[in-house]
Every structure is written in C-alpha cells, then in structure tokens.
Amino acid sequence: MEALDYHAEERRKAEFDLEEMKIVWAGSRQNYEISDRMARLVASDPVFRKDNRTMLSRKDLFKDTLRKAAHAWKRIIELRLSEEEAHMLRSYVDQPAFTDLHWGMFLPAIKGQGTEEQHEKWLPMAYKMQIIGCYAQTELGHGSNVQGLETTATFDPQTDEFVIHSPTLTSSKWWPGGLGKVSTHAVVYARLITGAQDHGVHGFIVQLRSLDDHSPLPGITVGDIGMKFGSGAYNSMDNGLLRFDHVRIPRNQMLMRVSQVTREGKFVQSDVPRQLVYGTMVYVRQTIVSDASCALARAVCIATRYSAVRRQFGSQNGGPETQVIDYKTQQSRLFPLLASAYAFRFVGEWLKWLYTDVTQRLQANDFSTLPEAHACTAGLKSMTTSVTADAIEECRKLCGGHGYLSNSGLPELFAVYIPTCTYEGDNVVLLLQVARFLMKTVSQLGSGKKPVGTTAYMGRAEHLMQCHCEVERAEDWLKPSVILEAFEARAFRMSIACAKNLSKFSNPEDGFSELSPDLLEAAIAHCQLIVVSKYIEKLQQDIPGKGVKRQLEILCNVYASHLLHKHLGDFVTTSCITPKQGALANEQLRLLYSQVRPNAITLVDAFNYTDHYLGSVLGCYNGNVYQRLYEEAWKDPLNDTVVPDGYLEYVRPILKQHIRTARL
C-alpha cells in the first residue's frame, strides 16, 4: 500500500525539470546537495523521531529536546560537519531548542560587539559548546522599547567590576530562549552607569550557572516562564526569566567594541562607529526572512498535496468526484501562497547578498547604505512573517476539517511560527520604523541627496507622480516593466500623500501618531515593491532547466497580480491604474491559475522536504492520506484501552442513574 504514489499522475503533468527547480529553490547546487544530505540524515535517525511530540508532557518534551540537541551535536562532531552543514542538520531536527539562541544570537552578539581580546577569550569556548549562551534583552516591562530597559550595570571603580542589578519587578529579563534551564552564560543588556551618569543600554557577558553542577550563581534567580501557545510547538524551548541581585562581573565582560569604560571609570567611545551593531541586526533579520519562506513552503506543500488527493462533489454518472484543487475558489486561495513562498525565497537570497555588502562597507567605514539596509530588513522581516503566519492558518482551512488534526502538521507549525511576529521587533513597530525612514527620504528629495538601494525609485519622483498605466489588454499585465512601474508609482504616491498630510501638523510627532495607520500602509506598499522587484531581477538571470524559468515567470505574475487585486483600492485611489485595468489584472490572474494547476504538485516537490520534516499525514509524499489517518488515530494513547479510564467512576453512574446528589 505504501509503495503506491497517489500523486503519480499529477507528477506526470509537470512542464519543467524538477531537479533544476530544486537547485533554484536551494540557491545553488552545493546548497541543494548539503540540504538533501542533512534532511535524509535526520529523517533516517530514530533519535530524531517527532510523530509523538504533541502528546508529550512539558517535562518529557523538554527532556526529549535535550536528548535531540545532544545527539545532533554528537553527530556534528562525528561527521566533522561544516558550520553550514551543522546549521542545516539542526534546522531539519525541527524542534526549537536552546542551541537556536546559542548559535543564532549569543555568538553573533559577541562577534559583532566584542573586541578582538573578547573574541579570543569567549568564542573558542562557545564554538566548542564548553559554555552555552543566550541573549537576555527583553524584560517583563519592556520589549520593543529597548531604550526603556531597567536592568542596571553600575561600575564600581574600587573593585574594577560592574554590579548587575534588577531594581524593579518589571526589570526581570523575560522570554530569552535557552535561559530558563540550560544557558550557562548570557549577553545581558543593561543600563550602563558610571558615577551618577546613565550612558544608555550596553551588552555584558554574564555567567549565570555553575559549570560544575549547573546551579544558579549567587545573586541570580532564574527559571522558565511557563507553557506557551499550542501542543509541542515552542514549548520545547526553555524561555526564561532572570533577576539579578547586585551580581558582580569583571569590567572586561562589558562588550567593548563600540564603547569602553576605563579602569578609572571613564566612559569612552571607541574609534569603531556605533552603527556596527546594526550589522548583527541585519544578519538576524535576513535569516528570519529566509525562515519565513521555509515555513510558508511547508504549509503550502501540505495544503497542495492534500488538495490534489481530496475529492468532493462534482461526480458525473457515478464517476469520481472533483479534486478540491480544481475548484477556482481553492486555487485563488492556495496558488498566491505558493507564489509567495517562491517570492520570499528569492528576496531572502537577495538579503544574504545585502548583508555581505553591508558588512564589507562597514569594514571600509562606509555607512552610506546602512540606514536603508536597516529599514529594508526591518520591513521585510515584518511583512514576510505576518504573511506567513496568516498563510499557515489559511492552509489549515484549505485542508478542511482534517487540517485541524494535530497530525496534519499545521496546528503545530502555526503555533511554533507565530512568535516571529513579535520577536526581534514587533511587526507593527518595525513597519513604523520603515515609515519614518520613508518620510525622511521624501523630505530629502529636493536637497540633491539621491535615494539609494531599495528607495532608488524615489529619485524618479516627477515621472512616478505623472505616469499613467498603459495596460489595454489583460496580457499587458505580464510585462515586467508594467508591473514594476505600477508598484513603484503606488508606493511613491502613498509616501508622498503621507508626507503632505504630516506637514499639516505643527508637531511632527503628533502627526506621526495620528497618521500611523496610513504610514503603515505606505510602508507595506514599499516592502511589497521590494519583493516584486527582486523577483523580477531574479528572472533576469540565466536560469537553466527545461521550463523552469517559465514556471517562475508564471509564479511571479501570480504574486504581483494577486497583490494588485488585494490592494486594488491603493492602486486606484492613487491613480496608478484605472478600475478597468484592475479588472483586466484580475482576468489575467484567473488565467495564470490555470497555468499553475498542472504543475502545482511538482512545484511543491521542488522544496525537497522529507516526510519527516513535513511531519504531516495530509502532506505525505505518496498521497496515501486516508490509510495514514486511520492508522494514526489508533496510535493515540486514548485508544490504549477500549473502555476509558474513569468510566466506572463517572460514566457508569450516569448511565445507571446512580448519581448521588448532595442534601442541602
């Protein structure tokens, strides 16, 4: 039964070279080979089993996570995996763990903000995992407003130490992953105080637990913050709380690449510009965008495969019912999400290039592109994670009732993904930062300072304010130049409208607060333009493989046309297009869905996800959904006994009318 491929007929319809598309998705042949090897390594190892994860108690789930993290580290050492291979292996284990924060936040913080001497001391231990670290910034009372953090680091010149202290309940560190039960060290962000002067928030390396027996060091109160949303999901992570009671650390444990405190207690800025800290932020946010494409692709893969298996209504003369994927309502909800997965993948690739470019410029003391890069990564982090979170839930609904089952993989995927909308910057707050940058860019247009990077289009202000869309037929919307100009004009005109309305306020901050909903929309329009433009740039490259480029062109047009349809009001009210041109775009979109349909299954096969990684009965590769659903039902612990525990105490008395009532 398992050998049958219920998607075989669908796969024969494909109009492109699947192997080449897998390479395009992975970014390169080398990436594809590493990814494929690591995915299969994890899938074939029984220690990494996860089909019972949602049924485990919190304690058992956490112990299971520790076991998997230790086994992954053992395999990494045994196989002498490279840093990239090790990262891939950990991602395919697919269980949030303390190692995510150690490698993803603790190490980059020290590398980005520490001096060479600090690198020499701390990085070798961290790379060998002789110490395990986390990133302790967020507090009970402050998250997005980093400047409002209350933890203090007061310099004591008599002992050459900093005294780390939590002066209030709300100054308790709250949420850092890995902190609750595992981390031995943390990069702690606290207000630096010398004498009576507050120098703002800085980073400090603080040991939290003994390296002998793992007990908290004197003055440190640390623990887990408790259960979080969903079964399994992010509950495998020990998000922690932390309080300091006058904990002393040596002066040289302040991260001193950007600023230092001398032995005498004098605060001095180093020759290294403070903007360097943004380099780490750009790195972290570009990884979040890449992760968004992966999570979205998983959900879309499950929903697409199940939509091809599921049949409902439409039977003719006793023949088979219609595949759900053939209904236009299903296509109009599903195929834009498929297109978005590819779009986010390509903008994530571009962000990796941007990070490299920014890093090289910073090393050469060129900070000209940093504000734009910071705004760009903030906006794309916000937009891609919000879209992905909503899309996972939409994919669950696209799978009907069975999507609500835990073994569909979608409830846990949703629960584990949605924190991305608030960590590393609340999505609304990030979009408002983008809006501020856009308003500043608009205000400088007449000064002779040219907009750079993703705002370069604003340098053609006169043309974008006057241009008119030349679409006369539906197929005109397939022209990249037409799409790009419409998205540029819409984004620019929305920013200009906001800037004009802001100028009416005597107090700019009052205006920004009052107009914040409009500013959010302008920021979203700008971010959508970035994704569309980077997708179009991708298509201008040489893409090998039969039919591969053609399929990517179709998906690009689906992505852009669906956004245009969804935000038609913006395009029409800014006079970028006419209502008739909007109707033509919708007509073209329906035609594009028909072109995606025969390739849908193979387009999700290109993600190259193993059944282990997908973790979904509905999304299994061979499509044998109903047999698997039936088998999985009997694995539930509730079915271990025919008669349930509690029957004699509670159910039988009801049936036999033996309920005893209390006498008042």
Foldseek 3Di string as FASTA:
>chain_A
DVVFFPCVVLVVLAQWDLVLLLQVLLVHPVSSVLLLVLLVVLVVDVLLFCLCQLVDDLVVLLVSQVSVVVVLLVVCVVVVDDPVSSVSNVVSSPADELVCFLVQPFVLCCVLQADPVSCVPPVVCSVNPLFREGEFQAWQQDDQPSQPAAWAFEADLVVQKTWTFQPDNRNKGWFIWCFAQHGQKYFHWHFYHFDHDTPTIFTFIDGAADSPPRHGDPQKDKHAPDDDPHGRANSNTRGMIMGGDRDIDHLSRTRPPQWHQDSNGDTGGDPQHPLSVVLSLLVSLLVLLQVLLVLLLLLLLLLLLLQQLDFDADDDPPHTGDRNLPDLVLLLLRLLSLLVSSLSSLVSVVSVVVSVVCVVCSVVVRCPCVLVSSLLSLLSLLVSLVVSLVSLVSSLVSNPPVSPDVLQLSRSSNRNRNCSCPPSHNSLRSLLSNLVVLLVQVVCQVVPDQDDDLCNLCVPVVCLLPDEQPDDALCVLLDLVSLLSLLSSLLNLLSVVLNVQCVVDPDSVVSCVVCSVSSSVSSNSSNLSSSLVSLVVVLVDDRDIRCSSVLSSLSSLLNSLSVCLVVVVSSPVSNRYHVVNNVSSVVSNSVSSVVCSSNSNSSSVSNVRACSSSSRLSSHSSRPRPVVVVVVVCVDPQNPDPDGPCCVPPVVCVVVVVDDDDDD
